[in-house]
Amino acid sequence: MTMTDHRARAGRLLALVAVVAVVAVPVAGQTRAQIEAEPIQKLRAGETTVPGECLTREELDLLTGLSALRRPTVGVEGDGDDPAPFDPHYFIGTWEIEGVLPDSPLGDAGEFYGTESVRHLQGCSYESRIEATSVDTPVTVAVRTEYDRRAQYLVRWEDDSRGLQSLKIGRVGGDPGGYFSHHWQAAPVTRGGQQIRLAGRTFITSPDNYEVQMRIATDGGEFANLGRLRWSRVLDDAP
């Protein structure tokens, strides 16, 4: 599958932003003609495996049906359209990373910039590598990502060349605006004699951009801001 294909998949996933902007509207808010012309979209029963995919055939069909709607979606509280599942294939490809991080036990304040290249392994397993610069120091991060589509849990294991390993775990959820968020926490680690805890939110806002908002706590203290990094998809030159 080419980069253009992956971008198209991401576009279909997040094109739902426009479609579900009024997701809370009950069935009565749709005219009979609208619903008859474009039937309510439901997840069909079954878990049919699709080679090369994380999601099932039934989940992919629901995504396709929702993204093709020209009417607003109907809220599930009125036996309306089912919500869109998150497709982790969104992450496949190459991304540019940039942001500014504050002083912390993890390092001095300064710019962080580089790239992350993500590839699909099998099922819901992915791996990637970050090549970056932080405060004029080269940084590499080996990453392994696993997604539990039934529990909607995303696990991201990072092995940082600066001597830090972190396991970020949390649920992925959508909201009525059609956006997806991964709220995660990492297991405590010790660095420089201090216990460090990380937490954050990966906020997916468009087919080609997302950001990670991070917090840090040391020695059992309260969480404080650790800045944010932005990922922008590197688009291929293919027509």
Protein backbone atom coordinates (compact mmCIF):
# COMPACT_ATOMS: atom_id res chain seq x y z
CA MET A 1 0.00 0.00 0.00
CA THR A 2 1.44 3.40 -1.02
CA MET A 3 1.68 6.55 1.07
CA THR A 4 -1.16 7.97 -1.01
CA ASP A 5 -3.32 4.98 -0.01
CA HIS A 6 -2.51 5.46 3.67
CA ARG A 7 -3.28 9.16 3.46
CA ALA A 8 -6.59 8.37 1.77
CA ARG A 9 -7.44 5.94 4.61
CA ALA A 10 -6.61 8.60 7.17
CA GLY A 11 -8.71 11.07 5.25
CA ARG A 12 -11.70 8.73 5.27
CA LEU A 13 -11.31 8.22 9.01
CA LEU A 14 -11.11 11.92 9.86
CA ALA A 15 -13.47 13.11 7.15
CA LEU A 16 -16.00 12.04 9.74
CA VAL A 17 -15.24 15.33 11.50
CA ALA A 18 -17.61 17.04 9.12
CA VAL A 19 -20.12 14.21 9.06
CA VAL A 20 -20.49 13.78 12.82
CA ALA A 21 -20.45 17.45 13.76
CA VAL A 22 -24.05 17.04 14.94
CA VAL A 23 -23.77 13.48 16.15
CA ALA A 24 -25.97 14.16 19.15
CA VAL A 25 -29.03 14.94 16.97
CA PRO A 26 -31.68 12.27 17.68
CA VAL A 27 -33.35 10.22 14.98
CA ALA A 28 -36.28 12.61 15.03
CA GLY A 29 -33.87 15.33 13.86
CA GLN A 30 -33.49 13.60 10.50
CA THR A 31 -36.23 13.71 7.93
CA ARG A 32 -37.71 10.42 6.75
CA ALA A 33 -36.40 11.18 3.27
CA GLN A 34 -32.84 11.66 4.58
CA ILE A 35 -32.83 8.36 6.45
CA GLU A 36 -34.47 6.44 3.62
CA ALA A 37 -31.96 7.88 1.14
CA GLU A 38 -29.00 7.11 3.41
CA PRO A 39 -29.85 4.34 5.89
CA ILE A 40 -28.58 4.30 9.46
CA GLN A 41 -25.03 2.89 9.59
CA LYS A 42 -24.58 -0.04 11.97
CA LEU A 43 -21.65 -2.31 12.76
CA ARG A 44 -22.53 -5.72 11.38
CA ALA A 45 -22.04 -8.77 13.58
CA GLY A 46 -18.89 -10.79 13.03
CA GLU A 47 -15.12 -10.41 13.10
CA THR A 48 -13.89 -11.17 9.61
CA THR A 49 -10.12 -10.85 9.41
CA VAL A 50 -8.74 -8.83 6.51
CA PRO A 51 -5.13 -9.56 5.46
CA GLY A 52 -2.86 -6.60 6.13
CA GLU A 53 -5.40 -4.81 8.31
CA CYS A 54 -5.90 -4.26 12.03
CA LEU A 55 -9.65 -3.68 11.85
CA THR A 56 -12.15 -6.34 10.79
CA ARG A 57 -14.10 -6.29 7.53
CA GLU A 58 -17.18 -5.25 9.50
CA GLU A 59 -15.36 -2.29 11.11
CA LEU A 60 -13.86 -1.18 7.81
CA ASP A 61 -17.27 -1.34 6.14
CA LEU A 62 -18.74 0.82 8.94
CA LEU A 63 -15.98 3.39 8.42
CA THR A 64 -16.63 3.44 4.68
CA GLY A 65 -20.37 3.82 5.20
CA LEU A 66 -20.03 6.65 7.71
CA SER A 67 -17.51 8.61 5.65
CA ALA A 68 -19.77 8.36 2.58
CA LEU A 69 -22.76 9.96 4.33
CA ARG A 70 -23.95 13.33 3.09
CA ARG A 71 -26.32 13.80 6.00
CA PRO A 72 -25.30 14.41 9.63
CA THR A 73 -24.93 11.25 11.65
CA VAL A 74 -27.71 10.27 14.04
CA GLY A 75 -26.88 9.91 17.73
CA VAL A 76 -26.67 6.39 19.13
CA GLU A 77 -29.03 7.37 21.95
CA GLY A 78 -31.78 7.31 19.34
CA ASP A 79 -30.74 3.95 17.90
CA GLY A 80 -28.81 5.89 15.31
CA ASP A 81 -25.49 5.45 13.56
CA ASP A 82 -22.76 3.52 15.37
CA PRO A 83 -19.62 5.53 16.22
CA ALA A 84 -16.55 5.22 14.02
CA PRO A 85 -13.85 2.82 15.23
CA PHE A 86 -10.28 4.08 15.43
CA ASP A 87 -8.00 2.65 12.74
CA PRO A 88 -4.33 2.61 13.88
CA HIS A 89 -3.25 2.30 10.25
CA TYR A 90 -3.62 6.09 10.45
CA PHE A 91 -0.06 6.23 11.83
CA ILE A 92 1.62 4.38 8.93
CA GLY A 93 3.99 6.61 7.00
CA THR A 94 6.62 9.25 7.69
CA TRP A 95 6.03 12.21 9.98
CA GLU A 96 7.92 15.40 10.76
CA ILE A 97 8.05 16.21 14.48
CA GLU A 98 8.60 19.64 15.99
CA GLY A 99 8.08 21.42 19.27
CA VAL A 100 9.74 23.15 22.22
CA LEU A 101 10.22 21.32 25.53
CA PRO A 102 10.78 22.94 28.96
CA ASP A 103 13.52 22.15 31.47
CA SER A 104 12.86 18.84 33.22
CA PRO A 105 14.71 15.87 34.71
CA LEU A 106 14.69 14.50 31.16
CA GLY A 107 16.82 17.31 29.76
CA ASP A 108 17.37 21.01 29.16
CA ALA A 109 14.79 23.26 27.57
CA GLY A 110 14.97 23.66 23.82
CA GLU A 111 13.67 22.69 20.43
CA PHE A 112 12.90 19.08 19.55
CA TYR A 113 12.61 18.24 15.86
CA GLY A 114 13.01 15.25 13.62
CA THR A 115 11.09 12.50 11.85
CA GLU A 116 9.26 9.29 12.71
CA SER A 117 8.77 6.51 10.16
CA VAL A 118 6.03 4.00 11.01
CA ARG A 119 5.44 0.65 9.33
CA HIS A 120 2.86 -2.08 9.81
CA LEU A 121 4.13 -5.44 11.06
CA GLN A 122 1.02 -7.61 11.23
CA GLY A 123 -2.48 -7.44 12.65
CA CYS A 124 -2.53 -4.49 15.06
CA SER A 125 1.26 -4.34 15.55
CA TYR A 126 3.47 -1.53 14.30
CA GLU A 127 7.05 -0.38 14.69
CA SER A 128 8.76 2.92 14.07
CA ARG A 129 11.95 4.86 14.61
CA ILE A 130 12.36 8.49 15.59
CA GLU A 131 15.47 10.30 14.37
CA ALA A 132 15.57 13.70 16.03
CA THR A 133 17.62 16.51 17.54
CA SER A 134 17.07 17.88 21.03
CA VAL A 135 19.13 20.84 22.26
CA ASP A 136 21.63 20.15 19.45
CA THR A 137 22.00 16.52 20.57
CA PRO A 138 21.06 13.61 18.26
CA VAL A 139 18.27 11.44 19.62
CA THR A 140 16.94 8.11 18.36
CA VAL A 141 13.86 6.36 19.72
CA ALA A 142 12.89 2.80 18.79
CA VAL A 143 9.11 2.40 19.07
CA ARG A 144 6.76 -0.58 19.12
CA THR A 145 3.00 0.05 19.07
CA GLU A 146 0.23 -2.45 19.77
CA TYR A 147 -3.51 -1.81 19.55
CA ASP A 148 -6.22 -3.88 21.21
CA ARG A 149 -9.18 -3.14 18.96
CA ARG A 150 -11.70 -4.84 21.25
CA ALA A 151 -10.68 -2.91 24.38
CA GLN A 152 -9.65 0.16 22.32
CA TYR A 153 -6.33 0.28 24.18
CA LEU A 154 -3.14 1.55 22.56
CA VAL A 155 0.26 0.57 24.00
CA ARG A 156 3.40 2.39 22.85
CA TRP A 157 6.83 1.17 23.98
CA GLU A 158 9.66 3.69 23.48
CA ASP A 159 13.39 2.99 23.90
CA ASP A 160 15.13 6.39 23.93
CA SER A 161 18.86 6.71 23.21
CA ARG A 162 19.11 9.18 26.10
CA GLY A 163 18.72 6.22 28.45
CA LEU A 164 14.97 6.35 29.02
CA GLN A 165 12.50 3.56 28.35
CA SER A 166 8.78 4.20 28.68
CA LEU A 167 5.61 2.18 28.25
CA LYS A 168 2.65 4.42 27.42
CA ILE A 169 -0.72 2.77 27.91
CA GLY A 170 -4.24 4.13 27.56
CA ARG A 171 -7.59 3.98 25.85
CA VAL A 172 -8.35 5.58 22.50
CA GLY A 173 -11.69 7.34 22.36
CA GLY A 174 -13.57 9.54 19.92
CA ASP A 175 -15.73 12.57 20.58
CA PRO A 176 -18.82 14.06 18.90
CA GLY A 177 -16.58 16.28 16.76
CA GLY A 178 -15.05 13.26 15.08
CA TYR A 179 -11.64 13.59 16.73
CA PHE A 180 -9.72 10.80 18.47
CA SER A 181 -7.62 11.00 21.63
CA HIS A 182 -5.22 8.56 23.24
CA HIS A 183 -5.09 9.37 26.95
CA TRP A 184 -2.03 7.55 28.26
CA GLN A 185 0.12 7.10 31.34
CA ALA A 186 3.58 5.58 31.56
CA ALA A 187 4.97 3.32 34.26
CA PRO A 188 7.30 5.18 36.70
CA VAL A 189 11.01 5.19 35.85
CA THR A 190 14.06 6.36 37.80
CA ARG A 191 16.46 8.89 36.31
CA GLY A 192 19.19 10.80 38.15
CA GLY A 193 17.93 9.48 41.48
CA GLN A 194 14.41 10.79 40.84
CA GLN A 195 11.26 8.81 40.19
CA ILE A 196 9.60 10.12 37.05
CA ARG A 197 6.04 9.59 35.89
CA LEU A 198 4.82 10.65 32.46
CA ALA A 199 1.26 11.12 31.24
CA GLY A 200 -0.33 12.81 28.29
CA ARG A 201 -2.78 12.95 25.46
CA THR A 202 -2.23 12.19 21.79
CA PHE A 203 -4.83 14.31 20.00
CA ILE A 204 -5.63 13.31 16.40
CA THR A 205 -7.20 16.26 14.61
CA SER A 206 -6.78 15.72 10.86
CA PRO A 207 -5.56 13.20 8.27
CA ASP A 208 -2.11 14.79 8.23
CA ASN A 209 -1.55 16.23 11.72
CA TYR A 210 -1.69 15.24 15.36
CA GLU A 211 -0.07 16.45 18.56
CA VAL A 212 1.12 14.97 21.84
CA GLN A 213 0.51 17.00 24.99
CA MET A 214 2.75 15.77 27.82
CA ARG A 215 2.92 16.07 31.62
CA ILE A 216 5.58 15.00 34.11
CA ALA A 217 5.65 14.31 37.86
CA THR A 218 8.75 13.67 39.97
CA ASP A 219 9.09 11.85 43.30
CA GLY A 220 5.35 11.49 43.79
CA GLY A 221 4.58 15.17 43.18
CA GLU A 222 1.86 16.74 41.11
CA PHE A 223 1.92 16.56 37.34
CA ALA A 224 3.27 19.62 35.51
CA ASN A 225 3.33 20.64 31.87
CA LEU A 226 6.06 19.01 29.75
CA GLY A 227 5.18 20.81 26.54
CA ARG A 228 3.75 19.48 23.32
CA LEU A 229 5.12 18.02 20.13
CA ARG A 230 3.39 18.15 16.75
CA TRP A 231 3.47 15.45 14.06
CA SER A 232 2.89 16.45 10.41
CA ARG A 233 2.63 13.80 7.72
CA VAL A 234 5.32 13.89 5.04
CA LEU A 235 3.35 13.73 1.80
CA ASP A 236 4.72 11.79 -1.14
CA ASP A 237 5.28 13.36 -4.54
CA ALA A 238 3.11 10.84 -6.36
CA PRO A 239 0.21 12.40 -8.29
